[in-house]
Amino acid sequence: MLSWSDRTILPHGESVESLNAMANTAAAGRAKRARAIFTLFADHIRPGASTTEVHRALANTTWLKETNLYGVRVLGGWVPVEMALGDTVFCIHLFPVEMNKQWSPWVIYFRLSGQLRDEDAKAILRGESVANDTRLVEFALCYPEKRQSAGGGSRLERFSRRGIHVYEM
């Protein structure tokens, strides 16, 4: 049985303004910027949020230009959010590494209601209207793997209307 009463490991209490500023400060480094975006999702966006509510948290998405966002349309494995008929799952790799512009250790999966294109998902995150009834159904924050000296493994936090469930792998 899954527990939906888990907790995020991210600190609480940071303002939307300061987190958006950090997310857009290239000099801060990828890890701090990714943590700021994760915190925006974890603390300021609720599953079931409208596109307007999402944009209140993601007020300045300049950082989105430095990501790899794509729809998950063919499943060749497991994704940490539900794949439901009528909805679309997207994946964002935050600040991909230099050697491989597609991959990043900081990944967000999210499910939007409706059949949407990649351009629609980007527009929704930027606060542009795509469809009035589109909702952010759920999302998952996939953290980088811990170093071997720290015990290895990785952490995933899944946020849904049921609560938060943490996977330690």
N, C-alpha and C. Protein backbone atom coordinates (compact mmCIF):
# COMPACT_ATOMS: atom_id res chain seq x y z
N MET A 1 0.84 -1.18 0.00
CA MET A 1 0.00 0.00 0.00
C MET A 1 0.89 1.25 0.00
N LEU A 2 0.58 2.19 -0.88
CA LEU A 2 1.33 3.43 -0.96
C LEU A 2 0.91 4.39 0.14
N SER A 3 1.88 5.08 0.68
CA SER A 3 1.59 6.14 1.64
C SER A 3 1.56 7.46 0.87
N TRP A 4 0.49 8.22 1.03
CA TRP A 4 0.37 9.52 0.39
C TRP A 4 0.51 10.64 1.42
N SER A 5 1.19 10.35 2.51
CA SER A 5 1.38 11.37 3.55
C SER A 5 2.86 11.67 3.77
N ASP A 6 3.68 11.41 2.75
CA ASP A 6 5.11 11.68 2.85
C ASP A 6 5.37 13.18 2.78
N ARG A 7 6.63 13.56 2.91
CA ARG A 7 7.03 14.98 2.91
C ARG A 7 8.17 15.20 1.91
N THR A 8 8.19 16.38 1.36
CA THR A 8 9.29 16.77 0.48
C THR A 8 10.53 17.05 1.33
N ILE A 9 11.70 16.90 0.74
CA ILE A 9 12.94 17.23 1.45
C ILE A 9 13.34 18.69 1.23
N LEU A 10 12.58 19.39 0.41
CA LEU A 10 12.89 20.79 0.12
C LEU A 10 12.50 21.69 1.29
N PRO A 11 13.27 22.74 1.51
CA PRO A 11 12.92 23.67 2.60
C PRO A 11 11.65 24.45 2.25
N HIS A 12 10.92 24.86 3.26
CA HIS A 12 9.69 25.62 3.07
C HIS A 12 9.91 27.10 3.38
N GLY A 13 9.01 27.94 2.91
CA GLY A 13 9.01 29.33 3.30
C GLY A 13 9.66 30.31 2.34
N GLU A 14 10.24 29.82 1.26
CA GLU A 14 10.85 30.74 0.30
C GLU A 14 9.76 31.34 -0.58
N SER A 15 9.88 32.61 -0.88
CA SER A 15 8.85 33.30 -1.65
C SER A 15 8.91 32.93 -3.13
N VAL A 16 7.79 33.09 -3.79
CA VAL A 16 7.70 32.87 -5.24
C VAL A 16 8.69 33.79 -5.95
N GLU A 17 8.78 35.03 -5.50
CA GLU A 17 9.67 36.00 -6.15
C GLU A 17 11.13 35.59 -6.04
N SER A 18 11.57 35.20 -4.84
CA SER A 18 12.98 34.82 -4.68
C SER A 18 13.31 33.53 -5.42
N LEU A 19 12.37 32.59 -5.45
CA LEU A 19 12.61 31.34 -6.17
C LEU A 19 12.67 31.57 -7.68
N ASN A 20 11.78 32.40 -8.21
CA ASN A 20 11.83 32.72 -9.64
C ASN A 20 13.12 33.44 -9.99
N ALA A 21 13.57 34.34 -9.13
CA ALA A 21 14.83 35.04 -9.37
C ALA A 21 16.00 34.06 -9.41
N MET A 22 16.05 33.13 -8.45
CA MET A 22 17.13 32.13 -8.43
C MET A 22 17.07 31.24 -9.67
N ALA A 23 15.89 30.82 -10.06
CA ALA A 23 15.74 29.95 -11.24
C ALA A 23 16.29 30.60 -12.50
N ASN A 24 16.26 31.93 -12.55
CA ASN A 24 16.69 32.65 -13.74
C ASN A 24 18.09 33.25 -13.63
N THR A 25 18.83 32.92 -12.58
CA THR A 25 20.18 33.44 -12.38
C THR A 25 21.20 32.39 -12.80
N ALA A 26 21.69 32.52 -14.02
CA ALA A 26 22.63 31.53 -14.56
C ALA A 26 23.88 31.39 -13.70
N ALA A 27 24.33 32.47 -13.10
CA ALA A 27 25.55 32.44 -12.29
C ALA A 27 25.38 31.61 -11.01
N ALA A 28 24.15 31.32 -10.62
CA ALA A 28 23.90 30.54 -9.41
C ALA A 28 24.27 29.07 -9.58
N GLY A 29 24.36 28.60 -10.80
CA GLY A 29 24.69 27.19 -11.06
C GLY A 29 23.44 26.34 -11.23
N ARG A 30 23.61 25.25 -11.94
CA ARG A 30 22.47 24.38 -12.27
C ARG A 30 21.77 23.82 -11.04
N ALA A 31 22.51 23.36 -10.05
CA ALA A 31 21.89 22.71 -8.89
C ALA A 31 21.00 23.67 -8.11
N LYS A 32 21.46 24.89 -7.86
CA LYS A 32 20.65 25.86 -7.11
C LYS A 32 19.44 26.29 -7.92
N ARG A 33 19.62 26.46 -9.21
CA ARG A 33 18.50 26.85 -10.07
C ARG A 33 17.45 25.75 -10.13
N ALA A 34 17.90 24.50 -10.26
CA ALA A 34 16.97 23.37 -10.30
C ALA A 34 16.23 23.23 -8.98
N ARG A 35 16.93 23.41 -7.86
CA ARG A 35 16.29 23.33 -6.56
C ARG A 35 15.21 24.41 -6.43
N ALA A 36 15.47 25.59 -6.95
CA ALA A 36 14.48 26.67 -6.91
C ALA A 36 13.22 26.29 -7.69
N ILE A 37 13.40 25.69 -8.85
CA ILE A 37 12.24 25.28 -9.66
C ILE A 37 11.50 24.14 -8.98
N PHE A 38 12.23 23.16 -8.45
CA PHE A 38 11.59 22.08 -7.69
C PHE A 38 10.77 22.67 -6.54
N THR A 39 11.33 23.65 -5.84
CA THR A 39 10.63 24.25 -4.70
C THR A 39 9.39 25.02 -5.15
N LEU A 40 9.46 25.68 -6.29
CA LEU A 40 8.27 26.34 -6.83
C LEU A 40 7.14 25.32 -7.03
N PHE A 41 7.49 24.17 -7.61
CA PHE A 41 6.48 23.13 -7.81
C PHE A 41 6.00 22.59 -6.46
N ALA A 42 6.93 22.21 -5.60
CA ALA A 42 6.58 21.53 -4.34
C ALA A 42 5.79 22.42 -3.38
N ASP A 43 6.16 23.69 -3.28
CA ASP A 43 5.55 24.57 -2.29
C ASP A 43 4.46 25.49 -2.82
N HIS A 44 4.46 25.74 -4.12
CA HIS A 44 3.57 26.78 -4.63
C HIS A 44 2.61 26.33 -5.72
N ILE A 45 2.66 25.06 -6.11
CA ILE A 45 1.72 24.53 -7.11
C ILE A 45 1.05 23.30 -6.52
N ARG A 46 -0.23 23.24 -6.62
CA ARG A 46 -1.00 22.09 -6.11
C ARG A 46 -1.54 21.29 -7.28
N PRO A 47 -1.51 19.97 -7.17
CA PRO A 47 -2.15 19.13 -8.19
C PRO A 47 -3.61 19.55 -8.35
N GLY A 48 -4.04 19.65 -9.60
CA GLY A 48 -5.38 20.12 -9.91
C GLY A 48 -5.41 21.60 -10.24
N ALA A 49 -4.24 22.26 -10.18
CA ALA A 49 -4.16 23.70 -10.42
C ALA A 49 -4.53 24.04 -11.86
N SER A 50 -5.19 25.19 -12.00
CA SER A 50 -5.50 25.72 -13.33
C SER A 50 -4.23 26.32 -13.93
N THR A 51 -4.27 26.65 -15.20
CA THR A 51 -3.11 27.26 -15.84
C THR A 51 -2.80 28.62 -15.20
N THR A 52 -3.82 29.35 -14.77
CA THR A 52 -3.62 30.63 -14.09
C THR A 52 -2.90 30.42 -12.77
N GLU A 53 -3.30 29.41 -12.01
CA GLU A 53 -2.67 29.12 -10.73
C GLU A 53 -1.22 28.68 -10.91
N VAL A 54 -0.95 27.89 -11.95
CA VAL A 54 0.43 27.47 -12.24
C VAL A 54 1.27 28.70 -12.54
N HIS A 55 0.73 29.62 -13.32
CA HIS A 55 1.51 30.81 -13.70
C HIS A 55 1.76 31.73 -12.51
N ARG A 56 0.91 31.73 -11.51
CA ARG A 56 1.18 32.54 -10.31
C ARG A 56 2.49 32.10 -9.65
N ALA A 57 2.76 30.81 -9.67
CA ALA A 57 4.01 30.30 -9.09
C ALA A 57 5.17 30.45 -10.07
N LEU A 58 4.94 30.11 -11.32
CA LEU A 58 5.99 30.19 -12.33
C LEU A 58 5.88 31.53 -13.05
N ALA A 59 6.04 32.60 -12.31
CA ALA A 59 5.80 33.95 -12.81
C ALA A 59 6.81 34.40 -13.86
N ASN A 60 8.01 33.86 -13.81
CA ASN A 60 9.05 34.24 -14.77
C ASN A 60 9.74 32.96 -15.23
N THR A 61 9.35 32.48 -16.39
CA THR A 61 9.86 31.20 -16.90
C THR A 61 10.95 31.37 -17.94
N THR A 62 11.77 32.38 -17.80
CA THR A 62 12.91 32.55 -18.70
C THR A 62 13.76 31.28 -18.70
N TRP A 63 13.88 30.63 -17.54
CA TRP A 63 14.65 29.39 -17.39
C TRP A 63 14.17 28.28 -18.32
N LEU A 64 12.92 28.35 -18.74
CA LEU A 64 12.34 27.31 -19.60
C LEU A 64 13.09 27.17 -20.92
N LYS A 65 13.73 28.26 -21.38
CA LYS A 65 14.51 28.23 -22.62
C LYS A 65 15.73 27.31 -22.51
N GLU A 66 16.16 27.03 -21.27
CA GLU A 66 17.35 26.22 -21.03
C GLU A 66 17.00 24.80 -20.60
N THR A 67 15.85 24.30 -21.04
CA THR A 67 15.41 22.97 -20.67
C THR A 67 15.13 22.14 -21.91
N ASN A 68 14.92 20.86 -21.67
CA ASN A 68 14.46 19.96 -22.71
C ASN A 68 13.08 19.47 -22.26
N LEU A 69 12.02 20.00 -22.87
CA LEU A 69 10.66 19.62 -22.54
C LEU A 69 10.07 18.83 -23.69
N TYR A 70 9.44 17.69 -23.37
CA TYR A 70 8.82 16.88 -24.42
C TYR A 70 7.67 16.06 -23.83
N GLY A 71 6.74 15.73 -24.70
CA GLY A 71 5.62 14.88 -24.31
C GLY A 71 6.03 13.42 -24.31
N VAL A 72 5.54 12.66 -23.36
CA VAL A 72 5.79 11.22 -23.29
C VAL A 72 4.64 10.54 -24.02
N ARG A 73 4.87 10.22 -25.27
CA ARG A 73 3.80 9.68 -26.12
C ARG A 73 3.94 8.18 -26.37
N VAL A 74 5.14 7.67 -26.20
CA VAL A 74 5.40 6.24 -26.34
C VAL A 74 6.07 5.80 -25.06
N LEU A 75 5.54 4.77 -24.45
CA LEU A 75 6.07 4.32 -23.17
C LEU A 75 6.94 3.09 -23.37
N GLY A 76 8.22 3.23 -23.03
CA GLY A 76 9.15 2.11 -23.12
C GLY A 76 9.64 1.69 -21.75
N GLY A 77 9.00 2.15 -20.72
CA GLY A 77 9.40 1.88 -19.35
C GLY A 77 8.39 2.47 -18.40
N TRP A 78 8.86 2.90 -17.25
CA TRP A 78 8.00 3.42 -16.21
C TRP A 78 8.12 4.94 -16.14
N VAL A 79 7.01 5.62 -15.95
CA VAL A 79 7.04 7.05 -15.65
C VAL A 79 6.40 7.25 -14.28
N PRO A 80 6.84 8.25 -13.53
CA PRO A 80 6.39 8.39 -12.15
C PRO A 80 5.04 9.08 -11.97
N VAL A 81 4.33 9.34 -13.05
CA VAL A 81 2.97 9.86 -12.96
C VAL A 81 2.07 8.94 -13.77
N GLU A 82 0.80 9.00 -13.49
CA GLU A 82 -0.15 8.13 -14.19
C GLU A 82 -0.32 8.56 -15.64
N MET A 83 -0.36 7.59 -16.53
CA MET A 83 -0.67 7.84 -17.93
C MET A 83 -2.16 7.52 -18.10
N ALA A 84 -2.97 8.56 -18.24
CA ALA A 84 -4.42 8.38 -18.30
C ALA A 84 -4.94 8.80 -19.67
N LEU A 85 -5.94 8.08 -20.17
CA LEU A 85 -6.57 8.44 -21.43
C LEU A 85 -7.14 9.84 -21.34
N GLY A 86 -6.93 10.61 -22.35
CA GLY A 86 -7.44 11.97 -22.38
C GLY A 86 -6.50 13.01 -21.81
N ASP A 87 -5.42 12.58 -21.15
CA ASP A 87 -4.43 13.50 -20.58
C ASP A 87 -3.10 13.33 -21.31
N THR A 88 -2.17 14.26 -21.08
CA THR A 88 -0.85 14.18 -21.69
C THR A 88 0.21 14.34 -20.62
N VAL A 89 1.20 13.44 -20.64
CA VAL A 89 2.33 13.49 -19.72
C VAL A 89 3.51 14.17 -20.43
N PHE A 90 4.17 15.06 -19.68
CA PHE A 90 5.34 15.77 -20.20
C PHE A 90 6.51 15.56 -19.26
N CYS A 91 7.69 15.75 -19.80
CA CYS A 91 8.93 15.61 -19.04
C CYS A 91 9.78 16.85 -19.31
N ILE A 92 10.35 17.40 -18.24
CA ILE A 92 11.28 18.53 -18.38
C ILE A 92 12.62 18.12 -17.79
N HIS A 93 13.66 18.17 -18.60
CA HIS A 93 15.03 18.00 -18.12
C HIS A 93 15.56 19.42 -17.90
N LEU A 94 15.83 19.76 -16.64
CA LEU A 94 16.29 21.10 -16.30
C LEU A 94 17.78 21.27 -16.56
N PHE A 95 18.13 22.27 -17.32
CA PHE A 95 19.51 22.65 -17.58
C PHE A 95 20.37 21.45 -18.00
N PRO A 96 20.07 20.88 -19.17
CA PRO A 96 20.83 19.69 -19.62
C PRO A 96 22.33 19.92 -19.62
N VAL A 97 23.06 18.83 -19.41
CA VAL A 97 24.52 18.90 -19.32
C VAL A 97 25.12 19.17 -20.69
N GLU A 98 26.32 19.74 -20.66
CA GLU A 98 27.00 20.14 -21.89
C GLU A 98 27.23 18.99 -22.87
N MET A 99 27.62 17.82 -22.34
CA MET A 99 27.95 16.70 -23.22
C MET A 99 26.72 16.17 -23.95
N ASN A 100 25.56 16.23 -23.32
CA ASN A 100 24.34 15.69 -23.90
C ASN A 100 23.22 16.69 -23.64
N LYS A 101 22.89 17.49 -24.62
CA LYS A 101 21.92 18.56 -24.46
C LYS A 101 20.50 18.07 -24.16
N GLN A 102 20.28 16.78 -24.15
CA GLN A 102 18.97 16.24 -23.87
C GLN A 102 18.80 15.81 -22.41
N TRP A 103 19.88 15.47 -21.72
CA TRP A 103 19.81 14.82 -20.42
C TRP A 103 20.17 15.77 -19.28
N SER A 104 19.52 15.57 -18.15
CA SER A 104 19.82 16.30 -16.93
C SER A 104 19.51 15.41 -15.74
N PRO A 105 20.22 15.58 -14.63
CA PRO A 105 19.90 14.78 -13.44
C PRO A 105 18.68 15.33 -12.68
N TRP A 106 18.19 16.52 -13.03
CA TRP A 106 17.00 17.11 -12.40
C TRP A 106 15.86 17.05 -13.41
N VAL A 107 14.85 16.24 -13.09
CA VAL A 107 13.77 16.00 -14.05
C VAL A 107 12.42 16.18 -13.36
N ILE A 108 11.49 16.79 -14.08
CA ILE A 108 10.12 16.94 -13.62
C ILE A 108 9.20 16.28 -14.64
N TYR A 109 8.37 15.35 -14.16
CA TYR A 109 7.30 14.79 -14.98
C TYR A 109 6.01 15.46 -14.53
N PHE A 110 5.14 15.80 -15.47
CA PHE A 110 3.85 16.36 -15.09
C PHE A 110 2.78 15.94 -16.08
N ARG A 111 1.56 15.82 -15.56
CA ARG A 111 0.43 15.42 -16.39
C ARG A 111 -0.56 16.57 -16.46
N LEU A 112 -0.91 16.93 -17.70
CA LEU A 112 -1.90 17.96 -17.95
C LEU A 112 -3.17 17.32 -18.49
N SER A 113 -4.30 17.86 -18.10
CA SER A 113 -5.57 17.34 -18.63
C SER A 113 -5.69 17.77 -20.09
N GLY A 114 -6.16 16.86 -20.91
CA GLY A 114 -6.35 17.14 -22.33
C GLY A 114 -5.23 16.60 -23.19
N GLN A 115 -5.51 16.50 -24.47
CA GLN A 115 -4.52 16.07 -25.46
C GLN A 115 -3.78 17.31 -25.95
N LEU A 116 -2.53 17.45 -25.54
CA LEU A 116 -1.77 18.66 -25.81
C LEU A 116 -0.46 18.38 -26.52
N ARG A 117 0.02 19.38 -27.22
CA ARG A 117 1.32 19.30 -27.90
C ARG A 117 2.40 19.87 -26.97
N ASP A 118 3.66 19.64 -27.31
CA ASP A 118 4.77 20.17 -26.53
C ASP A 118 4.68 21.69 -26.44
N GLU A 119 4.32 22.34 -27.55
CA GLU A 119 4.21 23.79 -27.58
C GLU A 119 3.12 24.27 -26.61
N ASP A 120 2.04 23.49 -26.48
CA ASP A 120 0.97 23.84 -25.55
C ASP A 120 1.47 23.79 -24.11
N ALA A 121 2.24 22.75 -23.77
CA ALA A 121 2.77 22.62 -22.40
C ALA A 121 3.69 23.79 -22.08
N LYS A 122 4.56 24.17 -23.01
CA LYS A 122 5.45 25.31 -22.79
C LYS A 122 4.64 26.59 -22.60
N ALA A 123 3.62 26.77 -23.42
CA ALA A 123 2.78 27.96 -23.32
C ALA A 123 2.07 28.01 -21.97
N ILE A 124 1.57 26.89 -21.50
CA ILE A 124 0.90 26.83 -20.20
C ILE A 124 1.87 27.21 -19.08
N LEU A 125 3.08 26.68 -19.12
CA LEU A 125 4.07 27.02 -18.09
C LEU A 125 4.46 28.49 -18.14
N ARG A 126 4.41 29.07 -19.35
CA ARG A 126 4.72 30.51 -19.49
C ARG A 126 3.54 31.40 -19.12
N GLY A 127 2.38 30.79 -18.85
CA GLY A 127 1.21 31.57 -18.45
C GLY A 127 0.32 31.98 -19.60
N GLU A 128 0.55 31.41 -20.77
CA GLU A 128 -0.27 31.73 -21.93
C GLU A 128 -1.48 30.81 -21.95
N SER A 129 -2.59 31.30 -22.39
CA SER A 129 -3.82 30.52 -22.42
C SER A 129 -3.80 29.56 -23.61
N VAL A 130 -4.10 28.31 -23.34
CA VAL A 130 -4.18 27.30 -24.39
C VAL A 130 -5.59 26.75 -24.45
N ALA A 131 -6.06 26.25 -23.34
CA ALA A 131 -7.43 25.74 -23.22
C ALA A 131 -7.93 26.10 -21.83
N ASN A 132 -9.10 26.65 -21.74
CA ASN A 132 -9.61 27.15 -20.46
C ASN A 132 -9.71 26.10 -19.38
N ASP A 133 -9.97 24.88 -19.75
CA ASP A 133 -10.20 23.85 -18.73
C ASP A 133 -8.97 22.98 -18.45
N THR A 134 -7.81 23.32 -18.99
CA THR A 134 -6.61 22.53 -18.76
C THR A 134 -6.17 22.67 -17.30
N ARG A 135 -5.82 21.52 -16.71
CA ARG A 135 -5.36 21.48 -15.32
C ARG A 135 -4.05 20.71 -15.25
N LEU A 136 -3.22 21.08 -14.26
CA LEU A 136 -2.03 20.30 -13.94
C LEU A 136 -2.52 19.21 -12.98
N VAL A 137 -2.65 18.00 -13.46
CA VAL A 137 -3.26 16.92 -12.70
C VAL A 137 -2.33 16.44 -11.58
N GLU A 138 -1.07 16.19 -11.92
CA GLU A 138 -0.09 15.72 -10.94
C GLU A 138 1.30 15.97 -11.49
N PHE A 139 2.32 15.85 -10.61
CA PHE A 139 3.69 16.00 -11.06
C PHE A 139 4.62 15.21 -10.16
N ALA A 140 5.83 14.96 -10.66
CA ALA A 140 6.84 14.23 -9.90
C ALA A 140 8.18 14.94 -10.07
N LEU A 141 8.88 15.08 -8.96
CA LEU A 141 10.21 15.68 -8.94
C LEU A 141 11.23 14.56 -8.79
N CYS A 142 12.10 14.43 -9.78
CA CYS A 142 13.11 13.36 -9.79
C CYS A 142 14.47 13.98 -9.49
N TYR A 143 15.01 13.65 -8.34
CA TYR A 143 16.27 14.22 -7.87
C TYR A 143 17.45 13.46 -8.45
N PRO A 144 18.63 14.12 -8.52
CA PRO A 144 19.84 13.41 -8.98
C PRO A 144 20.18 12.27 -8.04
N GLU A 145 20.87 11.29 -8.57
CA GLU A 145 21.33 10.19 -7.72
C GLU A 145 22.34 10.70 -6.71
N LYS A 146 22.28 10.12 -5.53
CA LYS A 146 23.27 10.46 -4.50
C LYS A 146 24.60 9.82 -4.87
N ARG A 147 25.67 10.41 -4.38
CA ARG A 147 26.99 9.83 -4.63
C ARG A 147 27.11 8.50 -3.91
N GLN A 148 27.93 7.63 -4.43
CA GLN A 148 28.13 6.31 -3.83
C GLN A 148 28.52 6.42 -2.36
N SER A 149 29.34 7.41 -2.01
CA SER A 149 29.78 7.55 -0.62
C SER A 149 28.62 7.91 0.30
N ALA A 150 27.54 8.44 -0.26
CA ALA A 150 26.38 8.83 0.54
C ALA A 150 25.32 7.72 0.55
N GLY A 151 25.66 6.57 0.06
CA GLY A 151 24.72 5.45 0.09
C GLY A 151 24.06 5.16 -1.23
N GLY A 152 24.30 5.98 -2.24
CA GLY A 152 23.75 5.75 -3.57
C GLY A 152 22.24 5.94 -3.62
N GLY A 153 21.69 5.64 -4.77
CA GLY A 153 20.25 5.73 -4.93
C GLY A 153 19.78 7.12 -5.31
N SER A 154 18.50 7.21 -5.60
CA SER A 154 17.91 8.48 -5.96
C SER A 154 16.55 8.63 -5.29
N ARG A 155 16.00 9.82 -5.36
CA ARG A 155 14.73 10.13 -4.70
C ARG A 155 13.78 10.70 -5.72
N LEU A 156 12.53 10.30 -5.60
CA LEU A 156 11.47 10.81 -6.44
C LEU A 156 10.29 11.18 -5.54
N GLU A 157 9.75 12.38 -5.71
CA GLU A 157 8.59 12.82 -4.96
C GLU A 157 7.43 13.02 -5.93
N ARG A 158 6.38 12.26 -5.72
CA ARG A 158 5.19 12.34 -6.59
C ARG A 158 4.09 13.09 -5.85
N PHE A 159 3.58 14.15 -6.48
CA PHE A 159 2.55 15.00 -5.90
C PHE A 159 1.24 14.77 -6.68
N SER A 160 0.22 14.35 -5.98
CA SER A 160 -1.10 14.19 -6.60
C SER A 160 -2.14 14.73 -5.63
N ARG A 161 -3.39 14.70 -6.04
CA ARG A 161 -4.46 15.17 -5.14
C ARG A 161 -4.56 14.32 -3.88
N ARG A 162 -3.99 13.11 -3.93
CA ARG A 162 -4.00 12.24 -2.74
C ARG A 162 -2.95 12.64 -1.73
N GLY A 163 -1.96 13.42 -2.15
CA GLY A 163 -0.87 13.83 -1.28
C GLY A 163 0.46 13.66 -1.95
N ILE A 164 1.49 13.40 -1.15
CA ILE A 164 2.85 13.21 -1.67
C ILE A 164 3.29 11.79 -1.34
N HIS A 165 3.87 11.12 -2.35
CA HIS A 165 4.46 9.81 -2.11
C HIS A 165 5.93 9.88 -2.53
N VAL A 166 6.80 9.38 -1.69
CA VAL A 166 8.24 9.39 -1.95
C VAL A 166 8.70 7.99 -2.31
N TYR A 167 9.49 7.93 -3.39
CA TYR A 167 10.13 6.68 -3.81
C TYR A 167 11.63 6.86 -3.57
N GLU A 168 12.24 5.96 -2.84
CA GLU A 168 13.69 5.94 -2.65
C GLU A 168 14.20 4.74 -3.44
N MET A 169 15.09 5.01 -4.40
CA MET A 169 15.58 3.93 -5.27
C MET A 169 17.08 3.79 -5.16
